[in-house]
Amino acid sequence: MNTYEERVELAKALGEQMIQREISRCRTQMGEFQWKEHGDWVTENIVAAAKIWLARELKEGRL
């Protein structure tokens, strides 16, 4: 069984991968013009959602 610290590190790595994939997906779907205008808040939203999801998954023991 992984220690809590190991689980947190694994969750961080997973979160970073998820965030980068979602940013890439959004950027592609939006196009560069829209991304330049809205990319900052979209990225903030993606990161916030990932943190919430990861915290819940860790708390509930699924990660």
PDB file of N, CA and C in Angstrom:
ATOM      1  N   MET A   1       0.851  -1.191   0.000  1.00  0.00           N
ATOM      2  CA  MET A   1       0.000   0.000   0.000  1.00  0.00           C
ATOM      3  C   MET A   1       0.888   1.242   0.000  1.00  0.00           C
ATOM      4  N   ASN A   2       0.536   2.203  -0.785  1.00  0.00           N
ATOM      5  CA  ASN A   2       1.287   3.453  -0.849  1.00  0.00           C
ATOM      6  C   ASN A   2       1.025   4.299   0.390  1.00  0.00           C
ATOM      7  N   THR A   3       2.055   5.022   0.810  1.00  0.00           N
ATOM      8  CA  THR A   3       1.864   5.957   1.908  1.00  0.00           C
ATOM      9  C   THR A   3       1.034   7.130   1.418  1.00  0.00           C
ATOM     10  N   TYR A   4       0.540   7.903   2.365  1.00  0.00           N
ATOM     11  CA  TYR A   4      -0.249   9.087   2.002  1.00  0.00           C
ATOM     12  C   TYR A   4       0.557  10.025   1.116  1.00  0.00           C
ATOM     13  N   GLU A   5       1.830  10.227   1.452  1.00  0.00           N
ATOM     14  CA  GLU A   5       2.681  11.129   0.675  1.00  0.00           C
ATOM     15  C   GLU A   5       2.855  10.624  -0.752  1.00  0.00           C
ATOM     16  N   GLU A   6       3.018   9.314  -0.909  1.00  0.00           N
ATOM     17  CA  GLU A   6       3.144   8.740  -2.253  1.00  0.00           C
ATOM     18  C   GLU A   6       1.849   8.924  -3.041  1.00  0.00           C
ATOM     19  N   ARG A   7       0.724   8.720  -2.366  1.00  0.00           N
ATOM     20  CA  ARG A   7      -0.569   8.915  -3.038  1.00  0.00           C
ATOM     21  C   ARG A   7      -0.743  10.353  -3.480  1.00  0.00           C
ATOM     22  N   VAL A   8      -0.326  11.304  -2.641  1.00  0.00           N
ATOM     23  CA  VAL A   8      -0.436  12.719  -2.996  1.00  0.00           C
ATOM     24  C   VAL A   8       0.436  13.027  -4.209  1.00  0.00           C
ATOM     25  N   GLU A   9       1.655  12.508  -4.231  1.00  0.00           N
ATOM     26  CA  GLU A   9       2.548  12.753  -5.367  1.00  0.00           C
ATOM     27  C   GLU A   9       1.984  12.146  -6.654  1.00  0.00           C
ATOM     28  N   LEU A  10       1.435  10.955  -6.553  1.00  0.00           N
ATOM     29  CA  LEU A  10       0.809  10.335  -7.719  1.00  0.00           C
ATOM     30  C   LEU A  10      -0.388  11.148  -8.194  1.00  0.00           C
ATOM     31  N   ALA A  11      -1.170  11.649  -7.254  1.00  0.00           N
ATOM     32  CA  ALA A  11      -2.328  12.472  -7.599  1.00  0.00           C
ATOM     33  C   ALA A  11      -1.895  13.763  -8.274  1.00  0.00           C
ATOM     34  N   LYS A  12      -0.818  14.371  -7.789  1.00  0.00           N
ATOM     35  CA  LYS A  12      -0.311  15.595  -8.418  1.00  0.00           C
ATOM     36  C   LYS A  12       0.113  15.335  -9.859  1.00  0.00           C
ATOM     37  N   ALA A  13       0.825  14.223 -10.074  1.00  0.00           N
ATOM     38  CA  ALA A  13       1.261  13.878 -11.431  1.00  0.00           C
ATOM     39  C   ALA A  13       0.054  13.631 -12.336  1.00  0.00           C
ATOM     40  N   LEU A  14      -0.919  12.900 -11.835  1.00  0.00           N
ATOM     41  CA  LEU A  14      -2.141  12.645 -12.600  1.00  0.00           C
ATOM     42  C   LEU A  14      -2.860  13.954 -12.905  1.00  0.00           C
ATOM     43  N   GLY A  15      -2.965  14.807 -11.893  1.00  0.00           N
ATOM     44  CA  GLY A  15      -3.630  16.097 -12.077  1.00  0.00           C
ATOM     45  C   GLY A  15      -2.958  16.938 -13.139  1.00  0.00           C
ATOM     46  N   GLU A  16      -1.646  16.988 -13.127  1.00  0.00           N
ATOM     47  CA  GLU A  16      -0.916  17.776 -14.121  1.00  0.00           C
ATOM     48  C   GLU A  16      -1.169  17.250 -15.533  1.00  0.00           C
ATOM     49  N   GLN A  17      -1.172  15.925 -15.685  1.00  0.00           N
ATOM     50  CA  GLN A  17      -1.462  15.325 -16.991  1.00  0.00           C
ATOM     51  C   GLN A  17      -2.883  15.670 -17.447  1.00  0.00           C
ATOM     52  N   MET A  18      -3.826  15.544 -16.522  1.00  0.00           N
ATOM     53  CA  MET A  18      -5.220  15.842 -16.852  1.00  0.00           C
ATOM     54  C   MET A  18      -5.388  17.303 -17.255  1.00  0.00           C
ATOM     55  N   ILE A  19      -4.756  18.180 -16.502  1.00  0.00           N
ATOM     56  CA  ILE A  19      -4.852  19.616 -16.781  1.00  0.00           C
ATOM     57  C   ILE A  19      -4.275  19.933 -18.153  1.00  0.00           C
ATOM     58  N   GLN A  20      -3.101  19.404 -18.452  1.00  0.00           N
ATOM     59  CA  GLN A  20      -2.474  19.684 -19.741  1.00  0.00           C
ATOM     60  C   GLN A  20      -3.315  19.152 -20.910  1.00  0.00           C
ATOM     61  N   ARG A  21      -3.883  17.956 -20.747  1.00  0.00           N
ATOM     62  CA  ARG A  21      -4.745  17.406 -21.802  1.00  0.00           C
ATOM     63  C   ARG A  21      -5.975  18.279 -22.024  1.00  0.00           C
ATOM     64  N   GLU A  22      -6.585  18.730 -20.919  1.00  0.00           N
ATOM     65  CA  GLU A  22      -7.801  19.539 -21.040  1.00  0.00           C
ATOM     66  C   GLU A  22      -7.493  20.914 -21.630  1.00  0.00           C
ATOM     67  N   ILE A  23      -6.376  21.513 -21.239  1.00  0.00           N
ATOM     68  CA  ILE A  23      -5.970  22.797 -21.824  1.00  0.00           C
ATOM     69  C   ILE A  23      -5.766  22.630 -23.325  1.00  0.00           C
ATOM     70  N   SER A  24      -5.075  21.575 -23.706  1.00  0.00           N
ATOM     71  CA  SER A  24      -4.829  21.320 -25.131  1.00  0.00           C
ATOM     72  C   SER A  24      -6.138  21.122 -25.885  1.00  0.00           C
ATOM     73  N   ARG A  25      -7.050  20.352 -25.283  1.00  0.00           N
ATOM     74  CA  ARG A  25      -8.349  20.104 -25.925  1.00  0.00           C
ATOM     75  C   ARG A  25      -9.127  21.401 -26.102  1.00  0.00           C
ATOM     76  N   CYS A  26      -9.180  22.210 -25.052  1.00  0.00           N
ATOM     77  CA  CYS A  26      -9.915  23.469 -25.111  1.00  0.00           C
ATOM     78  C   CYS A  26      -9.300  24.426 -26.129  1.00  0.00           C
ATOM     79  N   ARG A  27      -7.989  24.513 -26.124  1.00  0.00           N
ATOM     80  CA  ARG A  27      -7.296  25.408 -27.050  1.00  0.00           C
ATOM     81  C   ARG A  27      -7.590  25.018 -28.498  1.00  0.00           C
ATOM     82  N   THR A  28      -7.569  23.724 -28.761  1.00  0.00           N
ATOM     83  CA  THR A  28      -7.865  23.234 -30.114  1.00  0.00           C
ATOM     84  C   THR A  28      -9.304  23.556 -30.502  1.00  0.00           C
ATOM     85  N   GLN A  29     -10.236  23.306 -29.583  1.00  0.00           N
ATOM     86  CA  GLN A  29     -11.649  23.543 -29.873  1.00  0.00           C
ATOM     87  C   GLN A  29     -11.964  25.031 -30.040  1.00  0.00           C
ATOM     88  N   MET A  30     -11.296  25.860 -29.250  1.00  0.00           N
ATOM     89  CA  MET A  30     -11.577  27.299 -29.282  1.00  0.00           C
ATOM     90  C   MET A  30     -10.890  28.005 -30.453  1.00  0.00           C
ATOM     91  N   GLY A  31      -9.746  27.520 -30.840  1.00  0.00           N
ATOM     92  CA  GLY A  31      -8.958  28.216 -31.851  1.00  0.00           C
ATOM     93  C   GLY A  31      -8.072  29.271 -31.186  1.00  0.00           C
ATOM     94  N   GLU A  32      -7.018  29.645 -31.857  1.00  0.00           N
ATOM     95  CA  GLU A  32      -6.035  30.552 -31.258  1.00  0.00           C
ATOM     96  C   GLU A  32      -6.597  31.931 -30.937  1.00  0.00           C
ATOM     97  N   PHE A  33      -7.452  32.475 -31.772  1.00  0.00           N
ATOM     98  CA  PHE A  33      -7.997  33.806 -31.519  1.00  0.00           C
ATOM     99  C   PHE A  33      -8.789  33.831 -30.213  1.00  0.00           C
ATOM    100  N   GLN A  34      -9.710  32.888 -30.059  1.00  0.00           N
ATOM    101  CA  GLN A  34     -10.523  32.814 -28.843  1.00  0.00           C
ATOM    102  C   GLN A  34      -9.667  32.435 -27.637  1.00  0.00           C
ATOM    103  N   TRP A  35      -8.670  31.562 -27.853  1.00  0.00           N
ATOM    104  CA  TRP A  35      -7.811  31.155 -26.751  1.00  0.00           C
ATOM    105  C   TRP A  35      -7.050  32.350 -26.192  1.00  0.00           C
ATOM    106  N   LYS A  36      -6.555  33.205 -27.080  1.00  0.00           N
ATOM    107  CA  LYS A  36      -5.825  34.392 -26.622  1.00  0.00           C
ATOM    108  C   LYS A  36      -6.715  35.278 -25.760  1.00  0.00           C
ATOM    109  N   GLU A  37      -7.978  35.349 -26.097  1.00  0.00           N
ATOM    110  CA  GLU A  37      -8.915  36.190 -25.350  1.00  0.00           C
ATOM    111  C   GLU A  37      -9.384  35.540 -24.050  1.00  0.00           C
ATOM    112  N   HIS A  38      -9.603  34.232 -24.068  1.00  0.00           N
ATOM    113  CA  HIS A  38     -10.243  33.556 -22.940  1.00  0.00           C
ATOM    114  C   HIS A  38      -9.371  32.515 -22.244  1.00  0.00           C
ATOM    115  N   GLY A  39      -8.178  32.278 -22.728  1.00  0.00           N
ATOM    116  CA  GLY A  39      -7.332  31.198 -22.217  1.00  0.00           C
ATOM    117  C   GLY A  39      -7.018  31.291 -20.734  1.00  0.00           C
ATOM    118  N   ASP A  40      -6.833  32.508 -20.219  1.00  0.00           N
ATOM    119  CA  ASP A  40      -6.475  32.642 -18.804  1.00  0.00           C
ATOM    120  C   ASP A  40      -7.575  32.123 -17.887  1.00  0.00           C
ATOM    121  N   TRP A  41      -8.805  32.585 -18.115  1.00  0.00           N
ATOM    122  CA  TRP A  41      -9.869  32.150 -17.209  1.00  0.00           C
ATOM    123  C   TRP A  41     -10.246  30.692 -17.441  1.00  0.00           C
ATOM    124  N   VAL A  42     -10.113  30.223 -18.687  1.00  0.00           N
ATOM    125  CA  VAL A  42     -10.394  28.807 -18.948  1.00  0.00           C
ATOM    126  C   VAL A  42      -9.391  27.939 -18.194  1.00  0.00           C
ATOM    127  N   THR A  43      -8.122  28.325 -18.251  1.00  0.00           N
ATOM    128  CA  THR A  43      -7.081  27.587 -17.541  1.00  0.00           C
ATOM    129  C   THR A  43      -7.328  27.600 -16.037  1.00  0.00           C
ATOM    130  N   GLU A  44      -7.692  28.759 -15.495  1.00  0.00           N
ATOM    131  CA  GLU A  44      -7.992  28.847 -14.064  1.00  0.00           C
ATOM    132  C   GLU A  44      -9.131  27.904 -13.690  1.00  0.00           C
ATOM    133  N   ASN A  45     -10.154  27.842 -14.525  1.00  0.00           N
ATOM    134  CA  ASN A  45     -11.301  26.969 -14.281  1.00  0.00           C
ATOM    135  C   ASN A  45     -10.889  25.499 -14.331  1.00  0.00           C
ATOM    136  N   ILE A  46     -10.080  25.141 -15.310  1.00  0.00           N
ATOM    137  CA  ILE A  46      -9.607  23.757 -15.442  1.00  0.00           C
ATOM    138  C   ILE A  46      -8.815  23.348 -14.202  1.00  0.00           C
ATOM    139  N   VAL A  47      -7.912  24.206 -13.764  1.00  0.00           N
ATOM    140  CA  VAL A  47      -7.072  23.907 -12.600  1.00  0.00           C
ATOM    141  C   VAL A  47      -7.924  23.778 -11.338  1.00  0.00           C
ATOM    142  N   ALA A  48      -8.860  24.690 -11.145  1.00  0.00           N
ATOM    143  CA  ALA A  48      -9.723  24.634  -9.963  1.00  0.00           C
ATOM    144  C   ALA A  48     -10.546  23.350  -9.951  1.00  0.00           C
ATOM    145  N   ALA A  49     -11.114  22.990 -11.088  1.00  0.00           N
ATOM    146  CA  ALA A  49     -11.923  21.767 -11.168  1.00  0.00           C
ATOM    147  C   ALA A  49     -11.061  20.530 -10.895  1.00  0.00           C
ATOM    148  N   ALA A  50      -9.849  20.512 -11.422  1.00  0.00           N
ATOM    149  CA  ALA A  50      -8.954  19.375 -11.203  1.00  0.00           C
ATOM    150  C   ALA A  50      -8.599  19.237  -9.728  1.00  0.00           C
ATOM    151  N   LYS A  51      -8.336  20.355  -9.066  1.00  0.00           N
ATOM    152  CA  LYS A  51      -8.008  20.314  -7.635  1.00  0.00           C
ATOM    153  C   LYS A  51      -9.169  19.752  -6.823  1.00  0.00           C
ATOM    154  N   ILE A  52     -10.368  20.174  -7.130  1.00  0.00           N
ATOM    155  CA  ILE A  52     -11.556  19.685  -6.420  1.00  0.00           C
ATOM    156  C   ILE A  52     -11.715  18.188  -6.640  1.00  0.00           C
ATOM    157  N   TRP A  53     -11.612  17.753  -7.882  1.00  0.00           N
ATOM    158  CA  TRP A  53     -11.771  16.339  -8.211  1.00  0.00           C
ATOM    159  C   TRP A  53     -10.702  15.501  -7.527  1.00  0.00           C
ATOM    160  N   LEU A  54      -9.442  15.935  -7.622  1.00  0.00           N
ATOM    161  CA  LEU A  54      -8.344  15.173  -7.026  1.00  0.00           C
ATOM    162  C   LEU A  54      -8.492  15.077  -5.506  1.00  0.00           C
ATOM    163  N   ALA A  55      -8.855  16.168  -4.868  1.00  0.00           N
ATOM    164  CA  ALA A  55      -9.035  16.165  -3.411  1.00  0.00           C
ATOM    165  C   ALA A  55     -10.122  15.168  -3.013  1.00  0.00           C
ATOM    166  N   ARG A  56     -11.225  15.159  -3.753  1.00  0.00           N
ATOM    167  CA  ARG A  56     -12.324  14.248  -3.449  1.00  0.00           C
ATOM    168  C   ARG A  56     -11.902  12.790  -3.674  1.00  0.00           C
ATOM    169  N   GLU A  57     -11.211  12.543  -4.770  1.00  0.00           N
ATOM    170  CA  GLU A  57     -10.757  11.175  -5.058  1.00  0.00           C
ATOM    171  C   GLU A  57      -9.781  10.683  -3.992  1.00  0.00           C
ATOM    172  N   LEU A  58      -8.871  11.534  -3.559  1.00  0.00           N
ATOM    173  CA  LEU A  58      -7.937  11.152  -2.489  1.00  0.00           C
ATOM    174  C   LEU A  58      -8.676  10.890  -1.182  1.00  0.00           C
ATOM    175  N   LYS A  59      -9.580  11.786  -0.840  1.00  0.00           N
ATOM    176  CA  LYS A  59     -10.325  11.658   0.419  1.00  0.00           C
ATOM    177  C   LYS A  59     -11.135  10.375   0.455  1.00  0.00           C
ATOM    178  N   GLU A  60     -11.712  10.008  -0.692  1.00  0.00           N
ATOM    179  CA  GLU A  60     -12.560   8.838  -0.749  1.00  0.00           C
ATOM    180  C   GLU A  60     -11.771   7.562  -1.037  1.00  0.00           C
ATOM    181  N   GLY A  61     -10.430   7.689  -1.137  1.00  0.00           N
ATOM    182  CA  GLY A  61      -9.568   6.525  -1.283  1.00  0.00           C
ATOM    183  C   GLY A  61      -9.496   5.913  -2.657  1.00  0.00           C
ATOM    184  N   ARG A  62      -9.928   6.639  -3.666  1.00  0.00           N
ATOM    185  CA  ARG A  62      -9.902   6.087  -5.018  1.00  0.00           C
ATOM    186  C   ARG A  62      -8.583   6.355  -5.736  1.00  0.00           C
ATOM    187  N   LEU A  63      -7.731   7.165  -5.133  1.00  0.00           N
ATOM    188  CA  LEU A  63      -6.402   7.401  -5.700  1.00  0.00           C
ATOM    189  C   LEU A  63      -5.354   6.985  -4.704  1.00  0.00           C
TER     190      LEU A  63
END
